[in-house]
Amino acid sequence: MKKLLILLFTFAVAFSLAMPVFAQETETKTETTTTTTKSLMTLHGTVSDDGKTFTNDKDQKAWTVQNPEALKGHEGHHVSVKAHVHADKGEIHVVSVKIWKAKG
């Protein structure tokens, strides 16, 4: 009986010491996931003449377009785009595009 109690105590101690290691590993995975996830945003602005950049109306920031083929036919136009914004790279990945007529 005494050996069984010592064995159970040993497993309990080992398990409690291992828990912070598992918790730390989970946190790291969560942080990595959130930094690589990019939200879908709607932006209004003008497509450059070559279709490789998009200038946002709100702050006049010029974004490099990762997939300029999505803007083909809209060069020089004022449009509304739904895009994944990669602010750290200064790039957008266009998902959809529509001609936009601002009110006013």
C-alpha atoms as a PDB file:
ATOM      1  CA  MET A   1       0.000   0.000   0.000  1.00  0.00           C
ATOM      2  CA  LYS A   2       2.828   2.352   0.870  1.00  0.00           C
ATOM      3  CA  LYS A   3       4.479   1.748  -2.539  1.00  0.00           C
ATOM      4  CA  LEU A   4       1.187   2.506  -4.305  1.00  0.00           C
ATOM      5  CA  LEU A   5       0.837   5.837  -2.471  1.00  0.00           C
ATOM      6  CA  ILE A   6       4.424   6.797  -3.320  1.00  0.00           C
ATOM      7  CA  LEU A   7       3.837   5.879  -6.964  1.00  0.00           C
ATOM      8  CA  LEU A   8       0.599   7.923  -7.121  1.00  0.00           C
ATOM      9  CA  PHE A   9       2.304  10.870  -5.416  1.00  0.00           C
ATOM     10  CA  THR A  10       5.176  10.697  -7.913  1.00  0.00           C
ATOM     11  CA  PHE A  11       2.758  10.760 -10.868  1.00  0.00           C
ATOM     12  CA  ALA A  12       0.819  13.661  -9.331  1.00  0.00           C
ATOM     13  CA  VAL A  13       3.990  15.713  -8.897  1.00  0.00           C
ATOM     14  CA  ALA A  14       5.214  14.898 -12.412  1.00  0.00           C
ATOM     15  CA  PHE A  15       1.838  15.826 -13.893  1.00  0.00           C
ATOM     16  CA  SER A  16       1.649  19.137 -12.015  1.00  0.00           C
ATOM     17  CA  LEU A  17       5.176  20.061 -13.129  1.00  0.00           C
ATOM     18  CA  ALA A  18       4.387  19.247 -16.754  1.00  0.00           C
ATOM     19  CA  MET A  19       1.221  21.403 -16.938  1.00  0.00           C
ATOM     20  CA  PRO A  20       3.008  24.782 -17.311  1.00  0.00           C
ATOM     21  CA  VAL A  21       4.977  23.362 -20.242  1.00  0.00           C
ATOM     22  CA  PHE A  22       1.769  22.370 -22.041  1.00  0.00           C
ATOM     23  CA  ALA A  23       0.137  25.727 -21.253  1.00  0.00           C
ATOM     24  CA  GLN A  24       3.142  27.624 -22.619  1.00  0.00           C
ATOM     25  CA  GLU A  25       3.103  25.603 -25.838  1.00  0.00           C
ATOM     26  CA  THR A  26      -0.608  26.361 -26.331  1.00  0.00           C
ATOM     27  CA  GLU A  27      -0.035  30.107 -25.838  1.00  0.00           C
ATOM     28  CA  THR A  28       2.695  30.143 -28.468  1.00  0.00           C
ATOM     29  CA  LYS A  29       0.447  28.450 -31.013  1.00  0.00           C
ATOM     30  CA  THR A  30      -2.368  30.919 -30.294  1.00  0.00           C
ATOM     31  CA  GLU A  31      -0.081  33.937 -30.725  1.00  0.00           C
ATOM     32  CA  THR A  32       1.236  32.604 -34.031  1.00  0.00           C
ATOM     33  CA  THR A  33      -2.284  32.022 -35.325  1.00  0.00           C
ATOM     34  CA  THR A  34      -3.511  35.512 -34.476  1.00  0.00           C
ATOM     35  CA  THR A  35      -0.539  37.269 -36.063  1.00  0.00           C
ATOM     36  CA  THR A  36      -0.928  35.378 -39.349  1.00  0.00           C
ATOM     37  CA  THR A  37      -4.689  35.792 -39.599  1.00  0.00           C
ATOM     38  CA  LYS A  38      -5.719  38.813 -41.689  1.00  0.00           C
ATOM     39  CA  SER A  39      -9.213  40.258 -41.516  1.00  0.00           C
ATOM     40  CA  LEU A  40     -11.399  40.940 -44.536  1.00  0.00           C
ATOM     41  CA  MET A  41     -12.013  44.681 -44.885  1.00  0.00           C
ATOM     42  CA  THR A  42     -13.928  46.924 -47.267  1.00  0.00           C
ATOM     43  CA  LEU A  43     -11.870  49.796 -48.657  1.00  0.00           C
ATOM     44  CA  HIS A  44     -12.866  52.600 -51.035  1.00  0.00           C
ATOM     45  CA  GLY A  45     -10.294  54.194 -53.286  1.00  0.00           C
ATOM     46  CA  THR A  46      -8.593  54.398 -56.656  1.00  0.00           C
ATOM     47  CA  VAL A  47      -6.766  51.706 -58.603  1.00  0.00           C
ATOM     48  CA  SER A  48      -3.496  52.839 -60.195  1.00  0.00           C
ATOM     49  CA  ASP A  49      -3.159  52.949 -63.984  1.00  0.00           C
ATOM     50  CA  ASP A  50      -1.121  49.721 -63.952  1.00  0.00           C
ATOM     51  CA  GLY A  51      -3.458  48.002 -61.440  1.00  0.00           C
ATOM     52  CA  LYS A  52      -0.625  47.157 -59.055  1.00  0.00           C
ATOM     53  CA  THR A  53      -1.474  49.662 -56.314  1.00  0.00           C
ATOM     54  CA  PHE A  54      -4.627  50.854 -54.594  1.00  0.00           C
ATOM     55  CA  THR A  55      -4.909  54.249 -52.868  1.00  0.00           C
ATOM     56  CA  ASN A  56      -7.373  54.321 -49.987  1.00  0.00           C
ATOM     57  CA  ASP A  57      -9.724  57.360 -49.845  1.00  0.00           C
ATOM     58  CA  LYS A  58      -9.779  57.478 -46.055  1.00  0.00           C
ATOM     59  CA  ASP A  59      -6.072  58.083 -45.382  1.00  0.00           C
ATOM     60  CA  GLN A  60      -4.559  58.339 -48.896  1.00  0.00           C
ATOM     61  CA  LYS A  61      -2.372  55.309 -48.112  1.00  0.00           C
ATOM     62  CA  ALA A  62      -1.131  53.463 -51.180  1.00  0.00           C
ATOM     63  CA  TRP A  63      -1.305  49.668 -50.852  1.00  0.00           C
ATOM     64  CA  THR A  64       0.542  47.179 -53.043  1.00  0.00           C
ATOM     65  CA  VAL A  65      -1.927  44.688 -54.536  1.00  0.00           C
ATOM     66  CA  GLN A  66      -0.781  41.069 -54.135  1.00  0.00           C
ATOM     67  CA  ASN A  67      -3.087  39.855 -56.889  1.00  0.00           C
ATOM     68  CA  PRO A  68      -3.380  42.665 -59.462  1.00  0.00           C
ATOM     69  CA  GLU A  69      -5.227  40.336 -61.852  1.00  0.00           C
ATOM     70  CA  ALA A  70      -8.276  40.761 -59.571  1.00  0.00           C
ATOM     71  CA  LEU A  71      -8.365  44.475 -60.516  1.00  0.00           C
ATOM     72  CA  LYS A  72      -7.991  43.888 -64.270  1.00  0.00           C
ATOM     73  CA  GLY A  73     -10.366  46.192 -66.120  1.00  0.00           C
ATOM     74  CA  HIS A  74     -10.600  48.618 -63.184  1.00  0.00           C
ATOM     75  CA  GLU A  75      -7.312  50.467 -63.778  1.00  0.00           C
ATOM     76  CA  GLY A  76      -7.731  54.178 -62.939  1.00  0.00           C
ATOM     77  CA  HIS A  77     -11.248  53.643 -61.549  1.00  0.00           C
ATOM     78  CA  HIS A  78     -12.694  54.614 -58.176  1.00  0.00           C
ATOM     79  CA  VAL A  79     -13.750  51.300 -56.617  1.00  0.00           C
ATOM     80  CA  SER A  80     -14.822  49.501 -53.477  1.00  0.00           C
ATOM     81  CA  VAL A  81     -12.742  46.407 -52.687  1.00  0.00           C
ATOM     82  CA  LYS A  82     -13.079  43.646 -50.141  1.00  0.00           C
ATOM     83  CA  ALA A  83      -9.559  42.611 -49.287  1.00  0.00           C
ATOM     84  CA  HIS A  84      -7.355  40.923 -46.732  1.00  0.00           C
ATOM     85  CA  VAL A  85      -5.142  43.686 -45.364  1.00  0.00           C
ATOM     86  CA  HIS A  86      -1.528  42.859 -44.530  1.00  0.00           C
ATOM     87  CA  ALA A  87      -0.648  46.103 -42.739  1.00  0.00           C
ATOM     88  CA  ASP A  88       2.798  44.862 -41.737  1.00  0.00           C
ATOM     89  CA  LYS A  89       3.713  44.426 -45.426  1.00  0.00           C
ATOM     90  CA  GLY A  90       1.724  47.373 -46.808  1.00  0.00           C
ATOM     91  CA  GLU A  91      -0.186  44.967 -49.064  1.00  0.00           C
ATOM     92  CA  ILE A  92      -3.743  43.887 -49.749  1.00  0.00           C
ATOM     93  CA  HIS A  93      -5.119  40.708 -51.294  1.00  0.00           C
ATOM     94  CA  VAL A  94      -8.285  41.603 -53.208  1.00  0.00           C
ATOM     95  CA  VAL A  95     -11.234  39.229 -52.853  1.00  0.00           C
ATOM     96  CA  SER A  96     -13.871  41.272 -54.729  1.00  0.00           C
ATOM     97  CA  VAL A  97     -14.110  44.629 -56.497  1.00  0.00           C
ATOM     98  CA  LYS A  98     -17.034  46.917 -57.484  1.00  0.00           C
ATOM     99  CA  ILE A  99     -17.204  50.305 -59.165  1.00  0.00           C
ATOM    100  CA  TRP A 100     -17.833  52.858 -56.386  1.00  0.00           C
ATOM    101  CA  LYS A 101     -19.621  56.154 -56.709  1.00  0.00           C
ATOM    102  CA  ALA A 102     -19.077  58.238 -53.584  1.00  0.00           C
ATOM    103  CA  LYS A 103     -22.102  60.172 -52.363  1.00  0.00           C
ATOM    104  CA  GLY A 104     -21.802  63.915 -52.352  1.00  0.00           C
END
